[in-house]
Amino acid sequence: MEKPNIKTDYQMLDEISGRMGWGKNKTIGQIKDNGFPAIKIGREYRTTEIKIQEWLNRKIDEKYVSSTKKDQLSIS
């Protein structure tokens, strides 16, 4: 039986920081305090583009739903 060929490009802290436009300290803070999807392996944090996209979409949805609820409350 042949093993599946699964290739995942992991991004490390420098790449994550650059991708998000954050400094390294802010990136680590987002990981520790804000649920940014990265795991520490040894001395390095790693994540994938797919996980970053999922996190961004969730944050956008949370903000949109939150602002929509505020707008609805002010109209009532």
N, C-alpha and C. Protein backbone atom coordinates (compact mmCIF):
# COMPACT_ATOMS: atom_id res chain seq x y z
N MET A 1 0.84 -1.18 0.00
CA MET A 1 0.00 0.00 0.00
C MET A 1 0.89 1.25 0.00
N GLU A 2 0.61 2.16 -0.91
CA GLU A 2 1.41 3.37 -1.06
C GLU A 2 0.95 4.44 -0.07
N LYS A 3 1.90 5.10 0.56
CA LYS A 3 1.58 6.18 1.48
C LYS A 3 1.11 7.40 0.69
N PRO A 4 0.12 8.13 1.23
CA PRO A 4 -0.33 9.34 0.53
C PRO A 4 0.76 10.40 0.52
N ASN A 5 0.83 11.15 -0.53
CA ASN A 5 1.81 12.22 -0.65
C ASN A 5 1.18 13.51 -0.12
N ILE A 6 1.42 13.79 1.14
CA ILE A 6 0.86 14.98 1.77
C ILE A 6 1.99 15.99 1.93
N LYS A 7 1.84 17.12 1.28
CA LYS A 7 2.85 18.17 1.37
C LYS A 7 2.20 19.40 1.98
N THR A 8 2.74 19.84 3.07
CA THR A 8 2.26 21.04 3.71
C THR A 8 3.44 21.98 3.87
N ASP A 9 3.27 23.19 3.38
CA ASP A 9 4.33 24.19 3.53
C ASP A 9 4.12 24.92 4.84
N TYR A 10 5.00 24.66 5.78
CA TYR A 10 4.92 25.32 7.08
C TYR A 10 5.63 26.65 7.03
N GLN A 11 5.02 27.65 7.63
CA GLN A 11 5.64 28.96 7.75
C GLN A 11 6.18 29.10 9.16
N MET A 12 7.35 29.69 9.26
CA MET A 12 7.95 29.89 10.57
C MET A 12 7.76 31.35 10.99
N LEU A 13 8.21 31.68 12.19
CA LEU A 13 7.90 32.97 12.81
C LEU A 13 8.21 34.16 11.90
N ASP A 14 9.39 34.18 11.27
CA ASP A 14 9.73 35.30 10.38
C ASP A 14 8.72 35.43 9.25
N GLU A 15 8.33 34.30 8.67
CA GLU A 15 7.38 34.32 7.56
C GLU A 15 5.99 34.73 8.03
N ILE A 16 5.59 34.23 9.20
CA ILE A 16 4.29 34.59 9.76
C ILE A 16 4.24 36.09 10.03
N SER A 17 5.28 36.61 10.67
CA SER A 17 5.34 38.04 11.00
C SER A 17 5.27 38.88 9.73
N GLY A 18 6.03 38.50 8.72
CA GLY A 18 6.00 39.23 7.45
C GLY A 18 4.64 39.15 6.78
N ARG A 19 4.06 37.97 6.79
CA ARG A 19 2.74 37.77 6.16
C ARG A 19 1.68 38.64 6.80
N MET A 20 1.73 38.77 8.13
CA MET A 20 0.71 39.50 8.86
C MET A 20 1.06 40.98 9.03
N GLY A 21 2.30 41.35 8.75
CA GLY A 21 2.72 42.74 8.94
C GLY A 21 2.94 43.08 10.41
N TRP A 22 3.29 42.08 11.19
CA TRP A 22 3.53 42.24 12.62
C TRP A 22 5.02 42.05 12.91
N GLY A 23 5.47 42.59 14.03
CA GLY A 23 6.80 42.28 14.53
C GLY A 23 6.76 40.91 15.20
N LYS A 24 7.93 40.39 15.51
CA LYS A 24 7.99 39.05 16.13
C LYS A 24 7.28 39.01 17.47
N ASN A 25 7.47 40.06 18.31
CA ASN A 25 6.83 40.06 19.63
C ASN A 25 5.31 40.09 19.52
N LYS A 26 4.78 40.88 18.58
CA LYS A 26 3.33 40.93 18.40
C LYS A 26 2.82 39.58 17.90
N THR A 27 3.56 38.95 17.01
CA THR A 27 3.15 37.65 16.50
C THR A 27 3.07 36.63 17.64
N ILE A 28 4.08 36.60 18.49
CA ILE A 28 4.07 35.68 19.62
C ILE A 28 2.91 36.00 20.55
N GLY A 29 2.64 37.28 20.77
CA GLY A 29 1.50 37.68 21.59
C GLY A 29 0.18 37.22 21.00
N GLN A 30 0.04 37.32 19.69
CA GLN A 30 -1.19 36.86 19.03
C GLN A 30 -1.35 35.36 19.17
N ILE A 31 -0.26 34.64 19.11
CA ILE A 31 -0.31 33.18 19.28
C ILE A 31 -0.73 32.84 20.70
N LYS A 32 -0.11 33.49 21.68
CA LYS A 32 -0.36 33.15 23.08
C LYS A 32 -1.70 33.69 23.59
N ASP A 33 -2.08 34.89 23.17
CA ASP A 33 -3.22 35.58 23.79
C ASP A 33 -4.46 35.67 22.91
N ASN A 34 -4.32 35.47 21.63
CA ASN A 34 -5.45 35.74 20.74
C ASN A 34 -5.80 34.56 19.85
N GLY A 35 -5.26 33.40 20.16
CA GLY A 35 -5.64 32.19 19.45
C GLY A 35 -5.11 32.06 18.03
N PHE A 36 -4.06 32.84 17.71
CA PHE A 36 -3.48 32.68 16.37
C PHE A 36 -2.96 31.26 16.23
N PRO A 37 -3.28 30.59 15.12
CA PRO A 37 -3.00 29.16 14.98
C PRO A 37 -1.55 28.83 14.63
N ALA A 38 -0.76 28.66 15.64
CA ALA A 38 0.63 28.24 15.43
C ALA A 38 1.02 27.34 16.59
N ILE A 39 1.95 26.48 16.32
CA ILE A 39 2.43 25.55 17.34
C ILE A 39 3.93 25.73 17.47
N LYS A 40 4.41 25.63 18.69
CA LYS A 40 5.84 25.76 18.93
C LYS A 40 6.45 24.36 18.90
N ILE A 41 7.39 24.19 18.00
CA ILE A 41 8.12 22.93 17.88
C ILE A 41 9.58 23.28 18.12
N GLY A 42 10.11 22.79 19.23
CA GLY A 42 11.46 23.18 19.61
C GLY A 42 11.47 24.65 19.98
N ARG A 43 12.26 25.42 19.29
CA ARG A 43 12.34 26.86 19.55
C ARG A 43 11.58 27.70 18.53
N GLU A 44 10.87 27.07 17.62
CA GLU A 44 10.27 27.78 16.49
C GLU A 44 8.77 27.55 16.42
N TYR A 45 8.03 28.63 16.14
CA TYR A 45 6.59 28.53 15.89
C TYR A 45 6.37 28.20 14.42
N ARG A 46 5.34 27.39 14.16
CA ARG A 46 5.01 27.01 12.79
C ARG A 46 3.50 27.03 12.58
N THR A 47 3.12 27.34 11.36
CA THR A 47 1.71 27.29 10.97
C THR A 47 1.65 27.10 9.46
N THR A 48 0.43 27.02 8.93
CA THR A 48 0.25 26.89 7.48
C THR A 48 -0.61 28.04 6.98
N GLU A 49 -0.54 28.31 5.71
CA GLU A 49 -1.35 29.36 5.10
C GLU A 49 -2.84 29.07 5.28
N ILE A 50 -3.21 27.82 5.20
CA ILE A 50 -4.62 27.45 5.37
C ILE A 50 -5.10 27.84 6.76
N LYS A 51 -4.30 27.57 7.79
CA LYS A 51 -4.68 27.92 9.16
C LYS A 51 -4.75 29.43 9.35
N ILE A 52 -3.84 30.16 8.71
CA ILE A 52 -3.89 31.63 8.79
C ILE A 52 -5.17 32.14 8.16
N GLN A 53 -5.53 31.62 6.99
CA GLN A 53 -6.75 32.04 6.31
C GLN A 53 -8.00 31.73 7.15
N GLU A 54 -8.04 30.55 7.74
CA GLU A 54 -9.18 30.19 8.59
C GLU A 54 -9.30 31.14 9.77
N TRP A 55 -8.17 31.47 10.41
CA TRP A 55 -8.16 32.38 11.55
C TRP A 55 -8.63 33.77 11.15
N LEU A 56 -8.10 34.27 10.02
CA LEU A 56 -8.51 35.59 9.53
C LEU A 56 -10.00 35.62 9.22
N ASN A 57 -10.50 34.60 8.56
CA ASN A 57 -11.93 34.55 8.24
C ASN A 57 -12.78 34.54 9.51
N ARG A 58 -12.35 33.79 10.52
CA ARG A 58 -13.08 33.74 11.79
C ARG A 58 -13.07 35.11 12.47
N LYS A 59 -11.92 35.78 12.47
CA LYS A 59 -11.82 37.11 13.08
C LYS A 59 -12.70 38.12 12.34
N ILE A 60 -12.71 38.05 11.02
CA ILE A 60 -13.56 38.95 10.23
C ILE A 60 -15.03 38.68 10.53
N ASP A 61 -15.41 37.40 10.58
CA ASP A 61 -16.79 37.04 10.89
C ASP A 61 -17.19 37.53 12.28
N GLU A 62 -16.30 37.35 13.27
CA GLU A 62 -16.59 37.80 14.63
C GLU A 62 -16.80 39.31 14.66
N LYS A 63 -15.96 40.05 13.99
CA LYS A 63 -16.07 41.51 13.97
C LYS A 63 -17.33 41.93 13.24
N TYR A 64 -17.63 41.30 12.12
CA TYR A 64 -18.81 41.66 11.34
C TYR A 64 -20.07 41.37 12.13
N VAL A 65 -20.15 40.19 12.73
CA VAL A 65 -21.34 39.82 13.51
C VAL A 65 -21.48 40.75 14.70
N SER A 66 -20.37 41.06 15.37
CA SER A 66 -20.40 41.94 16.53
C SER A 66 -20.88 43.34 16.13
N SER A 67 -20.36 43.90 15.04
CA SER A 67 -20.76 45.24 14.63
C SER A 67 -22.20 45.25 14.12
N THR A 68 -22.64 44.17 13.50
CA THR A 68 -24.02 44.08 13.01
C THR A 68 -24.98 44.05 14.19
N LYS A 69 -24.65 43.31 15.24
CA LYS A 69 -25.50 43.26 16.44
C LYS A 69 -25.57 44.63 17.09
N LYS A 70 -24.47 45.35 17.16
CA LYS A 70 -24.48 46.70 17.74
C LYS A 70 -25.37 47.61 16.94
N ASP A 71 -25.29 47.53 15.60
CA ASP A 71 -26.13 48.35 14.74
C ASP A 71 -27.60 48.03 14.96
N GLN A 72 -27.93 46.76 15.09
CA GLN A 72 -29.31 46.35 15.30
C GLN A 72 -29.83 46.85 16.65
N LEU A 73 -28.99 46.82 17.67
CA LEU A 73 -29.40 47.30 18.99
C LEU A 73 -29.65 48.80 18.99
N SER A 74 -28.84 49.55 18.25
CA SER A 74 -29.02 50.99 18.22
C SER A 74 -30.25 51.40 17.42
N ILE A 75 -30.67 50.57 16.49
CA ILE A 75 -31.87 50.85 15.70
C ILE A 75 -33.13 50.58 16.51
N SER A 76 -33.09 49.56 17.37
CA SER A 76 -34.27 49.15 18.13
C SER A 76 -34.73 50.18 19.10
